[in-house]
Amino acid sequence: MAKNLFIALEGIDGSGKSTQMQLLKEKLEKAGHKVYLTCEPTDGPMGKMIRNIFTEKLDIDHRVIAGLFVADRLEHILDKTNGLLKKLDEGYTVITDRYLFSSYAYQGAHMSLDWVIAANSQSADLLRPDLNVYIDISPEVSMERITKNRSNTELFETHENLRKVRDTYLLAFKKLKDEENIVTVKGDQEPEQVAEKIWEAIEGISS
C-alpha cells in the first residue's frame, strides 16, 4: 500500500465519518504507515472565524460563511507546516473530511452547486483525492444520531436540509466527472461494518 495516499471521507452530519476517520487512522498506523488526519478548521484567521460562527460568537451573512470555507480549505492544502501537500510530500497518508464540499458552504448559504464548484476549482486543481469515500445515510437516521449525540444541533441542520445536502453531494460528484475516485458506502450500519467496506476500497486502489 502506498504511504502517501490522499483519502477524503464525505457525508452529511450523522453519517459517522469522524468515527470512521479515526478507525481508519488506527488501522493504517498499526500496519506501519504514517498518517496525518485533519477534520477541523485551520488555526488560521479563516478557521478561527468559522469556529466563532459555530459557537455563535460571531453572526455574519451566510454568503460570507461560504467564502470562509473556500479560503480555509485552501489553507488546509497549502499551509507550509501542516498543509496536505506538505504532508503528502513527507510520505504521510492524509485523511480528511474537508476537501471540496461543505453542506454549510452551499446548502446553508443557499449557494448554487455551480458556484460551489467554481469557487473551489483552485482546491480541486491543486489536489484530488486518490479515494473519495461518500458515507451515504438516510436523513432520518442522520437526524436521529444528531439529536441523540448533541445537546445543540449545528447551523442549518433541519430534516429537509439534510435531505437536500445528501442529494447535492451525489449530484456534485457527477458534475465534477470525478466518479472514478468515489466509493459510496452505506452508513446506516454498525461502525465496524462501515469501516470494513472503507478498508476494502482502500486496499482496492493500493493493490
N, C-alpha and C. Protein backbone atom coordinates (compact mmCIF):
# COMPACT_ATOMS: atom_id res chain seq x y z
N MET A 1 0.85 -1.20 0.00
CA MET A 1 0.00 0.00 0.00
C MET A 1 0.88 1.25 0.00
N ALA A 2 0.58 2.18 -0.91
CA ALA A 2 1.34 3.43 -0.95
C ALA A 2 1.15 4.19 0.35
N LYS A 3 2.22 4.87 0.79
CA LYS A 3 2.15 5.56 2.07
C LYS A 3 1.66 7.00 1.92
N ASN A 4 1.58 7.48 0.70
CA ASN A 4 1.21 8.88 0.53
C ASN A 4 -0.15 9.06 -0.13
N LEU A 5 -1.07 8.16 0.16
CA LEU A 5 -2.43 8.30 -0.36
C LEU A 5 -3.13 9.50 0.25
N PHE A 6 -4.00 10.11 -0.54
CA PHE A 6 -4.87 11.18 -0.04
C PHE A 6 -6.30 10.66 -0.08
N ILE A 7 -6.90 10.51 1.10
CA ILE A 7 -8.23 9.92 1.22
C ILE A 7 -9.18 10.95 1.84
N ALA A 8 -10.28 11.21 1.16
CA ALA A 8 -11.28 12.14 1.68
C ALA A 8 -12.55 11.37 2.01
N LEU A 9 -13.08 11.60 3.20
CA LEU A 9 -14.35 11.00 3.61
C LEU A 9 -15.41 12.08 3.66
N GLU A 10 -16.45 11.90 2.85
CA GLU A 10 -17.53 12.86 2.79
C GLU A 10 -18.80 12.23 3.36
N GLY A 11 -19.74 13.07 3.75
CA GLY A 11 -21.02 12.59 4.24
C GLY A 11 -21.72 13.66 5.06
N ILE A 12 -23.04 13.63 5.05
CA ILE A 12 -23.77 14.62 5.84
C ILE A 12 -23.59 14.31 7.32
N ASP A 13 -23.86 15.29 8.17
CA ASP A 13 -23.70 15.08 9.61
C ASP A 13 -24.57 13.93 10.08
N GLY A 14 -24.02 13.16 10.99
CA GLY A 14 -24.71 11.97 11.46
C GLY A 14 -24.29 10.72 10.71
N SER A 15 -23.44 10.90 9.67
CA SER A 15 -23.02 9.74 8.88
C SER A 15 -21.96 8.92 9.60
N GLY A 16 -21.34 9.50 10.63
CA GLY A 16 -20.32 8.77 11.37
C GLY A 16 -18.94 8.89 10.77
N LYS A 17 -18.71 9.91 9.93
CA LYS A 17 -17.42 9.99 9.24
C LYS A 17 -16.26 10.27 10.20
N SER A 18 -16.50 11.02 11.28
CA SER A 18 -15.42 11.27 12.23
C SER A 18 -14.94 9.97 12.88
N THR A 19 -15.90 9.11 13.24
CA THR A 19 -15.56 7.80 13.79
C THR A 19 -14.78 6.98 12.78
N GLN A 20 -15.23 7.00 11.53
CA GLN A 20 -14.58 6.21 10.50
C GLN A 20 -13.17 6.71 10.20
N MET A 21 -12.98 8.02 10.24
CA MET A 21 -11.65 8.57 10.03
C MET A 21 -10.68 8.08 11.10
N GLN A 22 -11.14 8.07 12.34
CA GLN A 22 -10.28 7.63 13.44
C GLN A 22 -9.98 6.14 13.35
N LEU A 23 -11.00 5.34 13.02
CA LEU A 23 -10.79 3.90 12.86
C LEU A 23 -9.79 3.61 11.74
N LEU A 24 -9.92 4.37 10.65
CA LEU A 24 -9.03 4.19 9.51
C LEU A 24 -7.60 4.59 9.88
N LYS A 25 -7.46 5.68 10.59
CA LYS A 25 -6.14 6.14 11.03
C LYS A 25 -5.46 5.06 11.88
N GLU A 26 -6.20 4.51 12.84
CA GLU A 26 -5.63 3.50 13.73
C GLU A 26 -5.21 2.25 12.96
N LYS A 27 -6.02 1.84 12.00
CA LYS A 27 -5.70 0.65 11.23
C LYS A 27 -4.46 0.85 10.37
N LEU A 28 -4.35 2.00 9.74
CA LEU A 28 -3.18 2.28 8.91
C LEU A 28 -1.91 2.37 9.76
N GLU A 29 -2.03 2.98 10.93
CA GLU A 29 -0.86 3.10 11.80
C GLU A 29 -0.40 1.73 12.30
N LYS A 30 -1.34 0.87 12.61
CA LYS A 30 -0.98 -0.49 13.04
C LYS A 30 -0.27 -1.25 11.93
N ALA A 31 -0.58 -0.87 10.69
CA ALA A 31 0.07 -1.51 9.54
C ALA A 31 1.41 -0.86 9.22
N GLY A 32 1.81 0.13 10.03
CA GLY A 32 3.14 0.73 9.87
C GLY A 32 3.21 1.99 9.05
N HIS A 33 2.08 2.60 8.77
CA HIS A 33 2.07 3.80 7.94
C HIS A 33 2.00 5.07 8.78
N LYS A 34 2.64 6.12 8.29
CA LYS A 34 2.47 7.44 8.89
C LYS A 34 1.14 8.02 8.41
N VAL A 35 0.36 8.56 9.32
CA VAL A 35 -0.96 9.08 8.97
C VAL A 35 -1.12 10.49 9.51
N TYR A 36 -1.62 11.38 8.66
CA TYR A 36 -1.98 12.72 9.09
C TYR A 36 -3.48 12.87 8.91
N LEU A 37 -4.19 13.11 10.00
CA LEU A 37 -5.64 13.21 9.98
C LEU A 37 -6.03 14.65 10.30
N THR A 38 -6.91 15.22 9.48
CA THR A 38 -7.37 16.58 9.74
C THR A 38 -8.86 16.68 9.43
N CYS A 39 -9.62 17.22 10.37
CA CYS A 39 -11.07 17.32 10.14
C CYS A 39 -11.66 18.60 10.74
N GLU A 40 -10.82 19.49 11.23
CA GLU A 40 -11.32 20.73 11.82
C GLU A 40 -10.86 21.92 11.00
N PRO A 41 -11.50 23.09 11.17
CA PRO A 41 -10.97 24.29 10.54
C PRO A 41 -9.54 24.55 10.99
N THR A 42 -8.76 25.23 10.16
CA THR A 42 -7.36 25.50 10.49
C THR A 42 -7.27 26.47 11.67
N ASP A 43 -6.03 26.66 12.12
CA ASP A 43 -5.78 27.64 13.19
C ASP A 43 -5.58 29.04 12.65
N GLY A 44 -5.70 29.18 11.34
CA GLY A 44 -5.53 30.49 10.72
C GLY A 44 -6.74 31.38 10.93
N PRO A 45 -6.70 32.60 10.41
CA PRO A 45 -7.79 33.55 10.64
C PRO A 45 -9.14 33.07 10.12
N MET A 46 -9.14 32.38 8.96
CA MET A 46 -10.41 31.90 8.41
C MET A 46 -11.02 30.82 9.32
N GLY A 47 -10.16 29.90 9.76
CA GLY A 47 -10.64 28.84 10.63
C GLY A 47 -11.17 29.37 11.95
N LYS A 48 -10.50 30.37 12.49
CA LYS A 48 -10.95 30.95 13.76
C LYS A 48 -12.32 31.61 13.60
N MET A 49 -12.53 32.27 12.48
CA MET A 49 -13.83 32.89 12.24
C MET A 49 -14.93 31.85 12.12
N ILE A 50 -14.61 30.73 11.43
CA ILE A 50 -15.60 29.65 11.29
C ILE A 50 -15.97 29.10 12.67
N ARG A 51 -14.97 28.89 13.54
CA ARG A 51 -15.27 28.40 14.88
C ARG A 51 -16.16 29.37 15.65
N ASN A 52 -15.89 30.66 15.50
CA ASN A 52 -16.70 31.66 16.19
C ASN A 52 -18.13 31.67 15.69
N ILE A 53 -18.32 31.39 14.41
CA ILE A 53 -19.68 31.30 13.86
C ILE A 53 -20.41 30.12 14.48
N PHE A 54 -19.73 28.96 14.54
CA PHE A 54 -20.36 27.74 15.06
C PHE A 54 -20.69 27.86 16.55
N THR A 55 -19.92 28.64 17.28
CA THR A 55 -20.19 28.81 18.71
C THR A 55 -21.04 30.05 18.98
N GLU A 56 -21.55 30.62 17.88
CA GLU A 56 -22.46 31.77 17.96
C GLU A 56 -21.81 33.00 18.59
N LYS A 57 -20.47 33.07 18.51
CA LYS A 57 -19.77 34.27 18.98
C LYS A 57 -19.70 35.32 17.88
N LEU A 58 -20.00 34.90 16.67
CA LEU A 58 -19.94 35.80 15.53
C LEU A 58 -21.14 35.52 14.63
N ASP A 59 -21.84 36.56 14.27
CA ASP A 59 -23.03 36.42 13.43
C ASP A 59 -22.80 37.20 12.15
N ILE A 60 -22.60 36.48 11.05
CA ILE A 60 -22.35 37.16 9.78
C ILE A 60 -23.22 36.55 8.69
N ASP A 61 -23.23 37.22 7.56
CA ASP A 61 -24.05 36.81 6.43
C ASP A 61 -23.62 35.44 5.92
N HIS A 62 -24.60 34.65 5.49
CA HIS A 62 -24.32 33.29 5.04
C HIS A 62 -23.40 33.24 3.83
N ARG A 63 -23.46 34.25 2.98
CA ARG A 63 -22.59 34.25 1.80
C ARG A 63 -21.13 34.41 2.23
N VAL A 64 -20.92 35.12 3.32
CA VAL A 64 -19.56 35.26 3.85
C VAL A 64 -19.07 33.93 4.39
N ILE A 65 -19.98 33.17 5.03
CA ILE A 65 -19.61 31.86 5.56
C ILE A 65 -19.10 30.97 4.43
N ALA A 66 -19.79 30.98 3.30
CA ALA A 66 -19.39 30.14 2.17
C ALA A 66 -17.98 30.52 1.70
N GLY A 67 -17.72 31.81 1.62
CA GLY A 67 -16.39 32.26 1.21
C GLY A 67 -15.31 31.86 2.20
N LEU A 68 -15.64 31.88 3.49
CA LEU A 68 -14.68 31.48 4.51
C LEU A 68 -14.28 30.02 4.35
N PHE A 69 -15.26 29.17 4.05
CA PHE A 69 -14.96 27.76 3.87
C PHE A 69 -14.01 27.55 2.69
N VAL A 70 -14.23 28.28 1.61
CA VAL A 70 -13.37 28.15 0.44
C VAL A 70 -11.94 28.56 0.80
N ALA A 71 -11.79 29.69 1.48
CA ALA A 71 -10.46 30.18 1.84
C ALA A 71 -9.77 29.25 2.83
N ASP A 72 -10.53 28.73 3.80
CA ASP A 72 -9.93 27.85 4.80
C ASP A 72 -9.51 26.52 4.18
N ARG A 73 -10.24 26.08 3.17
CA ARG A 73 -9.87 24.83 2.51
C ARG A 73 -8.54 24.98 1.78
N LEU A 74 -8.33 26.13 1.16
CA LEU A 74 -7.04 26.37 0.51
C LEU A 74 -5.92 26.37 1.54
N GLU A 75 -6.20 26.94 2.71
CA GLU A 75 -5.21 26.95 3.79
C GLU A 75 -4.87 25.52 4.20
N HIS A 76 -5.86 24.65 4.25
CA HIS A 76 -5.64 23.24 4.57
C HIS A 76 -4.66 22.61 3.60
N ILE A 77 -4.74 22.98 2.33
CA ILE A 77 -3.91 22.36 1.32
C ILE A 77 -2.51 22.96 1.29
N LEU A 78 -2.40 24.29 1.46
CA LEU A 78 -1.16 24.99 1.17
C LEU A 78 -0.31 25.35 2.38
N ASP A 79 -0.83 25.23 3.59
CA ASP A 79 -0.08 25.62 4.79
C ASP A 79 1.31 24.97 4.79
N LYS A 80 2.35 25.78 5.03
CA LYS A 80 3.73 25.29 4.90
C LYS A 80 4.15 24.34 6.01
N THR A 81 3.40 24.34 7.12
CA THR A 81 3.75 23.45 8.23
C THR A 81 2.91 22.19 8.22
N ASN A 82 1.58 22.33 8.15
CA ASN A 82 0.69 21.18 8.24
C ASN A 82 -0.24 21.04 7.04
N GLY A 83 0.09 21.68 5.94
CA GLY A 83 -0.75 21.59 4.76
C GLY A 83 -0.76 20.18 4.17
N LEU A 84 -1.84 19.84 3.48
CA LEU A 84 -1.98 18.50 2.94
C LEU A 84 -0.87 18.17 1.93
N LEU A 85 -0.51 19.12 1.08
CA LEU A 85 0.54 18.88 0.10
C LEU A 85 1.88 18.58 0.78
N LYS A 86 2.19 19.32 1.83
CA LYS A 86 3.45 19.10 2.55
C LYS A 86 3.46 17.72 3.20
N LYS A 87 2.34 17.34 3.80
CA LYS A 87 2.28 16.04 4.47
C LYS A 87 2.41 14.90 3.47
N LEU A 88 1.81 15.05 2.30
CA LEU A 88 1.94 14.03 1.27
C LEU A 88 3.39 13.92 0.80
N ASP A 89 4.05 15.08 0.64
CA ASP A 89 5.46 15.07 0.24
C ASP A 89 6.33 14.40 1.29
N GLU A 90 5.92 14.47 2.55
CA GLU A 90 6.69 13.86 3.63
C GLU A 90 6.40 12.38 3.79
N GLY A 91 5.53 11.83 2.94
CA GLY A 91 5.27 10.41 2.97
C GLY A 91 4.10 9.98 3.83
N TYR A 92 3.29 10.93 4.27
CA TYR A 92 2.11 10.60 5.07
C TYR A 92 0.96 10.15 4.18
N THR A 93 0.12 9.29 4.72
CA THR A 93 -1.22 9.10 4.16
C THR A 93 -2.11 10.14 4.83
N VAL A 94 -2.76 10.97 4.04
CA VAL A 94 -3.59 12.06 4.57
C VAL A 94 -5.05 11.65 4.51
N ILE A 95 -5.73 11.79 5.65
CA ILE A 95 -7.17 11.52 5.73
C ILE A 95 -7.85 12.81 6.14
N THR A 96 -8.84 13.23 5.38
CA THR A 96 -9.55 14.46 5.71
C THR A 96 -11.03 14.31 5.41
N ASP A 97 -11.85 15.08 6.10
CA ASP A 97 -13.28 15.10 5.79
C ASP A 97 -13.67 16.44 5.16
N ARG A 98 -12.68 17.25 4.85
CA ARG A 98 -12.97 18.57 4.30
C ARG A 98 -12.11 18.79 3.07
N TYR A 99 -12.65 18.46 1.92
CA TYR A 99 -11.85 18.67 0.71
C TYR A 99 -12.51 19.72 -0.18
N LEU A 100 -13.53 19.33 -0.92
CA LEU A 100 -14.11 20.28 -1.88
C LEU A 100 -15.49 20.77 -1.46
N PHE A 101 -16.26 19.93 -0.78
CA PHE A 101 -17.64 20.27 -0.50
C PHE A 101 -17.85 20.66 0.96
N SER A 102 -18.95 21.31 1.20
CA SER A 102 -19.36 21.61 2.57
C SER A 102 -20.85 21.91 2.56
N SER A 103 -21.58 21.23 3.42
CA SER A 103 -23.01 21.48 3.48
C SER A 103 -23.29 22.92 3.89
N TYR A 104 -22.42 23.48 4.73
CA TYR A 104 -22.61 24.87 5.16
C TYR A 104 -22.35 25.83 4.01
N ALA A 105 -21.36 25.51 3.20
CA ALA A 105 -20.95 26.44 2.15
C ALA A 105 -21.98 26.56 1.05
N TYR A 106 -22.69 25.45 0.73
CA TYR A 106 -23.64 25.62 -0.36
C TYR A 106 -25.09 25.48 0.05
N GLN A 107 -25.38 24.61 1.01
CA GLN A 107 -26.79 24.48 1.38
C GLN A 107 -27.21 25.57 2.36
N GLY A 108 -26.40 25.76 3.41
CA GLY A 108 -26.76 26.76 4.41
C GLY A 108 -26.82 28.16 3.85
N ALA A 109 -25.93 28.44 2.90
CA ALA A 109 -25.89 29.78 2.32
C ALA A 109 -26.77 29.88 1.08
N HIS A 110 -27.44 28.79 0.74
CA HIS A 110 -28.31 28.75 -0.43
C HIS A 110 -27.53 29.11 -1.70
N MET A 111 -26.29 28.60 -1.75
CA MET A 111 -25.47 28.84 -2.93
C MET A 111 -25.80 27.77 -3.97
N SER A 112 -25.64 28.13 -5.24
CA SER A 112 -25.85 27.14 -6.28
C SER A 112 -24.66 26.18 -6.31
N LEU A 113 -24.90 24.97 -6.76
CA LEU A 113 -23.83 23.99 -6.85
C LEU A 113 -22.75 24.45 -7.82
N ASP A 114 -23.16 25.08 -8.92
CA ASP A 114 -22.18 25.58 -9.89
C ASP A 114 -21.26 26.61 -9.24
N TRP A 115 -21.81 27.45 -8.36
CA TRP A 115 -20.99 28.43 -7.65
C TRP A 115 -19.97 27.73 -6.78
N VAL A 116 -20.40 26.69 -6.08
CA VAL A 116 -19.50 25.97 -5.17
C VAL A 116 -18.35 25.34 -5.95
N ILE A 117 -18.66 24.69 -7.06
CA ILE A 117 -17.62 24.03 -7.85
C ILE A 117 -16.65 25.06 -8.42
N ALA A 118 -17.17 26.18 -8.91
CA ALA A 118 -16.30 27.22 -9.46
C ALA A 118 -15.42 27.83 -8.38
N ALA A 119 -16.00 28.10 -7.22
CA ALA A 119 -15.25 28.73 -6.14
C ALA A 119 -14.15 27.82 -5.60
N ASN A 120 -14.39 26.52 -5.65
CA ASN A 120 -13.42 25.56 -5.13
C ASN A 120 -12.50 25.00 -6.21
N SER A 121 -12.55 25.56 -7.41
CA SER A 121 -11.78 24.99 -8.52
C SER A 121 -10.29 25.00 -8.24
N GLN A 122 -9.80 26.01 -7.55
CA GLN A 122 -8.37 26.07 -7.25
C GLN A 122 -7.96 24.90 -6.36
N SER A 123 -8.79 24.59 -5.36
CA SER A 123 -8.50 23.45 -4.49
C SER A 123 -8.49 22.15 -5.30
N ALA A 124 -9.46 22.00 -6.18
CA ALA A 124 -9.56 20.78 -6.98
C ALA A 124 -8.39 20.64 -7.93
N ASP A 125 -7.90 21.76 -8.46
CA ASP A 125 -6.76 21.71 -9.37
C ASP A 125 -5.47 21.36 -8.63
N LEU A 126 -5.36 21.81 -7.38
CA LEU A 126 -4.16 21.55 -6.60
C LEU A 126 -4.06 20.11 -6.14
N LEU A 127 -5.20 19.52 -5.81
CA LEU A 127 -5.15 18.21 -5.17
C LEU A 127 -6.50 17.52 -5.33
N ARG A 128 -6.44 16.31 -5.85
CA ARG A 128 -7.65 15.48 -5.91
C ARG A 128 -7.41 14.21 -5.11
N PRO A 129 -8.44 13.71 -4.44
CA PRO A 129 -8.24 12.50 -3.64
C PRO A 129 -7.91 11.29 -4.50
N ASP A 130 -7.05 10.43 -3.97
CA ASP A 130 -6.87 9.12 -4.58
C ASP A 130 -8.12 8.29 -4.37
N LEU A 131 -8.77 8.54 -3.25
CA LEU A 131 -10.04 7.86 -2.96
C LEU A 131 -10.94 8.81 -2.21
N ASN A 132 -12.15 8.98 -2.69
CA ASN A 132 -13.14 9.84 -2.04
C ASN A 132 -14.29 8.94 -1.61
N VAL A 133 -14.39 8.71 -0.31
CA VAL A 133 -15.43 7.83 0.23
C VAL A 133 -16.64 8.67 0.63
N TYR A 134 -17.77 8.35 0.05
CA TYR A 134 -19.01 9.02 0.47
C TYR A 134 -19.81 8.05 1.33
N ILE A 135 -20.01 8.43 2.59
CA ILE A 135 -20.78 7.60 3.51
C ILE A 135 -22.24 8.02 3.38
N ASP A 136 -23.00 7.21 2.69
CA ASP A 136 -24.39 7.54 2.39
C ASP A 136 -25.26 7.13 3.57
N ILE A 137 -26.17 8.00 3.94
CA ILE A 137 -27.02 7.74 5.09
C ILE A 137 -28.36 8.43 4.87
N SER A 138 -29.42 7.83 5.34
CA SER A 138 -30.73 8.45 5.18
C SER A 138 -30.84 9.66 6.10
N PRO A 139 -31.50 10.73 5.65
CA PRO A 139 -31.66 11.91 6.51
C PRO A 139 -32.34 11.58 7.83
N GLU A 140 -33.24 10.58 7.83
CA GLU A 140 -33.93 10.22 9.07
C GLU A 140 -32.96 9.68 10.11
N VAL A 141 -32.10 8.76 9.68
CA VAL A 141 -31.11 8.19 10.60
C VAL A 141 -30.10 9.25 11.01
N SER A 142 -29.73 10.11 10.06
CA SER A 142 -28.79 11.19 10.36
C SER A 142 -29.33 12.10 11.46
N MET A 143 -30.57 12.54 11.32
CA MET A 143 -31.14 13.44 12.32
C MET A 143 -31.28 12.74 13.66
N GLU A 144 -31.62 11.47 13.65
CA GLU A 144 -31.73 10.70 14.90
C GLU A 144 -30.40 10.67 15.64
N ARG A 145 -29.32 10.46 14.92
CA ARG A 145 -27.99 10.43 15.53
C ARG A 145 -27.58 11.81 16.04
N ILE A 146 -27.90 12.84 15.26
CA ILE A 146 -27.52 14.20 15.66
C ILE A 146 -28.21 14.58 16.96
N THR A 147 -29.51 14.38 17.02
CA THR A 147 -30.26 14.79 18.22
C THR A 147 -29.92 13.92 19.43
N LYS A 148 -29.49 12.70 19.18
CA LYS A 148 -29.13 11.80 20.28
C LYS A 148 -27.78 12.15 20.88
N ASN A 149 -26.85 12.58 20.04
CA ASN A 149 -25.47 12.75 20.47
C ASN A 149 -25.06 14.19 20.75
N ARG A 150 -25.91 15.16 20.45
CA ARG A 150 -25.52 16.55 20.66
C ARG A 150 -26.60 17.30 21.42
N SER A 151 -26.15 18.19 22.31
CA SER A 151 -27.12 18.99 23.04
C SER A 151 -27.73 20.07 22.15
N ASN A 152 -26.94 20.55 21.19
CA ASN A 152 -27.43 21.56 20.25
C ASN A 152 -27.06 21.15 18.83
N THR A 153 -28.04 21.14 17.95
CA THR A 153 -27.71 20.86 16.56
C THR A 153 -27.00 22.07 15.96
N GLU A 154 -26.12 21.81 15.00
CA GLU A 154 -25.33 22.88 14.42
C GLU A 154 -26.15 23.67 13.41
N LEU A 155 -25.47 24.65 12.86
CA LEU A 155 -26.09 25.56 11.90
C LEU A 155 -26.75 24.80 10.75
N PHE A 156 -27.95 25.20 10.39
CA PHE A 156 -28.66 24.76 9.19
C PHE A 156 -29.15 23.32 9.23
N GLU A 157 -29.02 22.61 10.33
CA GLU A 157 -29.40 21.20 10.33
C GLU A 157 -30.88 21.04 10.64
N THR A 158 -31.63 20.88 9.59
CA THR A 158 -33.03 20.50 9.70
C THR A 158 -33.21 19.24 8.87
N HIS A 159 -34.30 18.56 9.09
CA HIS A 159 -34.56 17.32 8.38
C HIS A 159 -34.51 17.54 6.87
N GLU A 160 -35.17 18.58 6.40
CA GLU A 160 -35.23 18.84 4.97
C GLU A 160 -33.87 19.24 4.41
N ASN A 161 -33.10 20.03 5.17
CA ASN A 161 -31.78 20.42 4.71
C ASN A 161 -30.85 19.23 4.58
N LEU A 162 -30.95 18.29 5.51
CA LEU A 162 -30.12 17.09 5.43
C LEU A 162 -30.42 16.32 4.14
N ARG A 163 -31.67 16.26 3.79
CA ARG A 163 -32.04 15.56 2.54
C ARG A 163 -31.47 16.30 1.32
N LYS A 164 -31.57 17.62 1.34
CA LYS A 164 -31.06 18.41 0.22
C LYS A 164 -29.54 18.27 0.09
N VAL A 165 -28.86 18.29 1.24
CA VAL A 165 -27.41 18.18 1.21
C VAL A 165 -26.99 16.83 0.66
N ARG A 166 -27.66 15.76 1.09
CA ARG A 166 -27.34 14.42 0.58
C ARG A 166 -27.50 14.38 -0.94
N ASP A 167 -28.61 14.90 -1.43
CA ASP A 167 -28.86 14.88 -2.88
C ASP A 167 -27.83 15.71 -3.63
N THR A 168 -27.41 16.83 -3.02
CA THR A 168 -26.46 17.71 -3.68
C THR A 168 -25.08 17.08 -3.75
N TYR A 169 -24.70 16.36 -2.71
CA TYR A 169 -23.42 15.64 -2.76
C TYR A 169 -23.38 14.71 -3.97
N LEU A 170 -24.42 13.91 -4.12
CA LEU A 170 -24.45 12.92 -5.19
C LEU A 170 -24.42 13.59 -6.56
N LEU A 171 -25.11 14.72 -6.69
CA LEU A 171 -25.09 15.47 -7.95
C LEU A 171 -23.72 16.08 -8.20
N ALA A 172 -23.08 16.56 -7.15
CA ALA A 172 -21.77 17.19 -7.30
C ALA A 172 -20.74 16.22 -7.83
N PHE A 173 -20.75 15.00 -7.33
CA PHE A 173 -19.79 14.02 -7.82
C PHE A 173 -19.94 13.81 -9.33
N LYS A 174 -21.18 13.79 -9.80
CA LYS A 174 -21.42 13.61 -11.23
C LYS A 174 -20.96 14.84 -12.02
N LYS A 175 -21.26 16.02 -11.50
CA LYS A 175 -20.89 17.24 -12.23
C LYS A 175 -19.38 17.40 -12.34
N LEU A 176 -18.67 16.93 -11.34
CA LEU A 176 -17.22 17.05 -11.35
C LEU A 176 -16.55 16.00 -12.25
N LYS A 177 -17.37 15.04 -12.75
CA LYS A 177 -16.83 13.94 -13.55
C LYS A 177 -15.67 13.26 -12.81
N ASP A 178 -15.88 13.09 -11.52
CA ASP A 178 -14.84 12.56 -10.64
C ASP A 178 -15.26 11.21 -10.08
N GLU A 179 -16.22 10.57 -10.75
CA GLU A 179 -16.84 9.39 -10.16
C GLU A 179 -15.90 8.20 -10.04
N GLU A 180 -14.84 8.17 -10.85
CA GLU A 180 -13.95 7.02 -10.77
C GLU A 180 -13.18 6.99 -9.44
N ASN A 181 -13.11 8.12 -8.75
CA ASN A 181 -12.40 8.18 -7.47
C ASN A 181 -13.34 8.00 -6.28
N ILE A 182 -14.61 7.80 -6.53
CA ILE A 182 -15.60 7.83 -5.45
C ILE A 182 -16.15 6.44 -5.17
N VAL A 183 -16.15 6.08 -3.90
CA VAL A 183 -16.78 4.86 -3.44
C VAL A 183 -17.89 5.24 -2.49
N THR A 184 -19.08 4.76 -2.73
CA THR A 184 -20.21 5.04 -1.84
C THR A 184 -20.40 3.86 -0.88
N VAL A 185 -20.41 4.17 0.39
CA VAL A 185 -20.56 3.14 1.43
C VAL A 185 -21.83 3.45 2.21
N LYS A 186 -22.65 2.46 2.43
CA LYS A 186 -23.89 2.65 3.18
C LYS A 186 -23.58 2.88 4.65
N GLY A 187 -24.05 4.01 5.17
CA GLY A 187 -23.71 4.39 6.55
C GLY A 187 -24.74 3.99 7.58
N ASP A 188 -25.90 3.46 7.15
CA ASP A 188 -26.93 3.04 8.11
C ASP A 188 -26.61 1.64 8.63
N GLN A 189 -25.38 1.46 9.12
CA GLN A 189 -24.92 0.18 9.62
C GLN A 189 -24.10 0.41 10.88
N GLU A 190 -23.66 -0.68 11.48
CA GLU A 190 -22.77 -0.58 12.62
C GLU A 190 -21.42 -0.03 12.15
N PRO A 191 -20.71 0.73 13.00
CA PRO A 191 -19.44 1.33 12.60
C PRO A 191 -18.43 0.32 12.06
N GLU A 192 -18.40 -0.87 12.64
CA GLU A 192 -17.44 -1.88 12.20
C GLU A 192 -17.72 -2.34 10.76
N GLN A 193 -19.01 -2.43 10.41
CA GLN A 193 -19.38 -2.83 9.06
C GLN A 193 -18.98 -1.76 8.05
N VAL A 194 -19.21 -0.51 8.41
CA VAL A 194 -18.84 0.60 7.53
C VAL A 194 -17.32 0.63 7.35
N ALA A 195 -16.60 0.47 8.46
CA ALA A 195 -15.14 0.50 8.42
C ALA A 195 -14.58 -0.59 7.51
N GLU A 196 -15.20 -1.75 7.53
CA GLU A 196 -14.74 -2.85 6.69
C GLU A 196 -14.86 -2.52 5.21
N LYS A 197 -15.97 -1.89 4.84
CA LYS A 197 -16.18 -1.51 3.44
C LYS A 197 -15.17 -0.44 3.00
N ILE A 198 -14.89 0.51 3.89
CA ILE A 198 -13.92 1.56 3.57
C ILE A 198 -12.54 0.94 3.37
N TRP A 199 -12.17 0.02 4.24
CA TRP A 199 -10.87 -0.62 4.14
C TRP A 199 -10.75 -1.42 2.84
N GLU A 200 -11.81 -2.09 2.45
CA GLU A 200 -11.81 -2.83 1.19
C GLU A 200 -11.55 -1.89 0.00
N ALA A 201 -12.16 -0.71 0.06
CA ALA A 201 -11.96 0.27 -1.02
C ALA A 201 -10.52 0.74 -1.08
N ILE A 202 -9.91 0.96 0.07
CA ILE A 202 -8.51 1.42 0.11
C ILE A 202 -7.58 0.33 -0.41
N GLU A 203 -7.83 -0.89 0.00
CA GLU A 203 -7.00 -1.99 -0.50
C GLU A 203 -7.15 -2.15 -2.01
N GLY A 204 -8.35 -1.83 -2.51
CA GLY A 204 -8.61 -1.95 -3.94
C GLY A 204 -7.78 -1.00 -4.79
N ILE A 205 -7.51 0.21 -4.28
CA ILE A 205 -6.72 1.17 -5.05
C ILE A 205 -5.24 1.05 -4.76
N SER A 206 -4.88 0.24 -3.78
CA SER A 206 -3.48 0.16 -3.35
C SER A 206 -2.80 -1.12 -3.83
N SER A 207 -3.60 -2.05 -4.38
CA SER A 207 -3.03 -3.33 -4.77
C SER A 207 -2.32 -3.23 -6.12
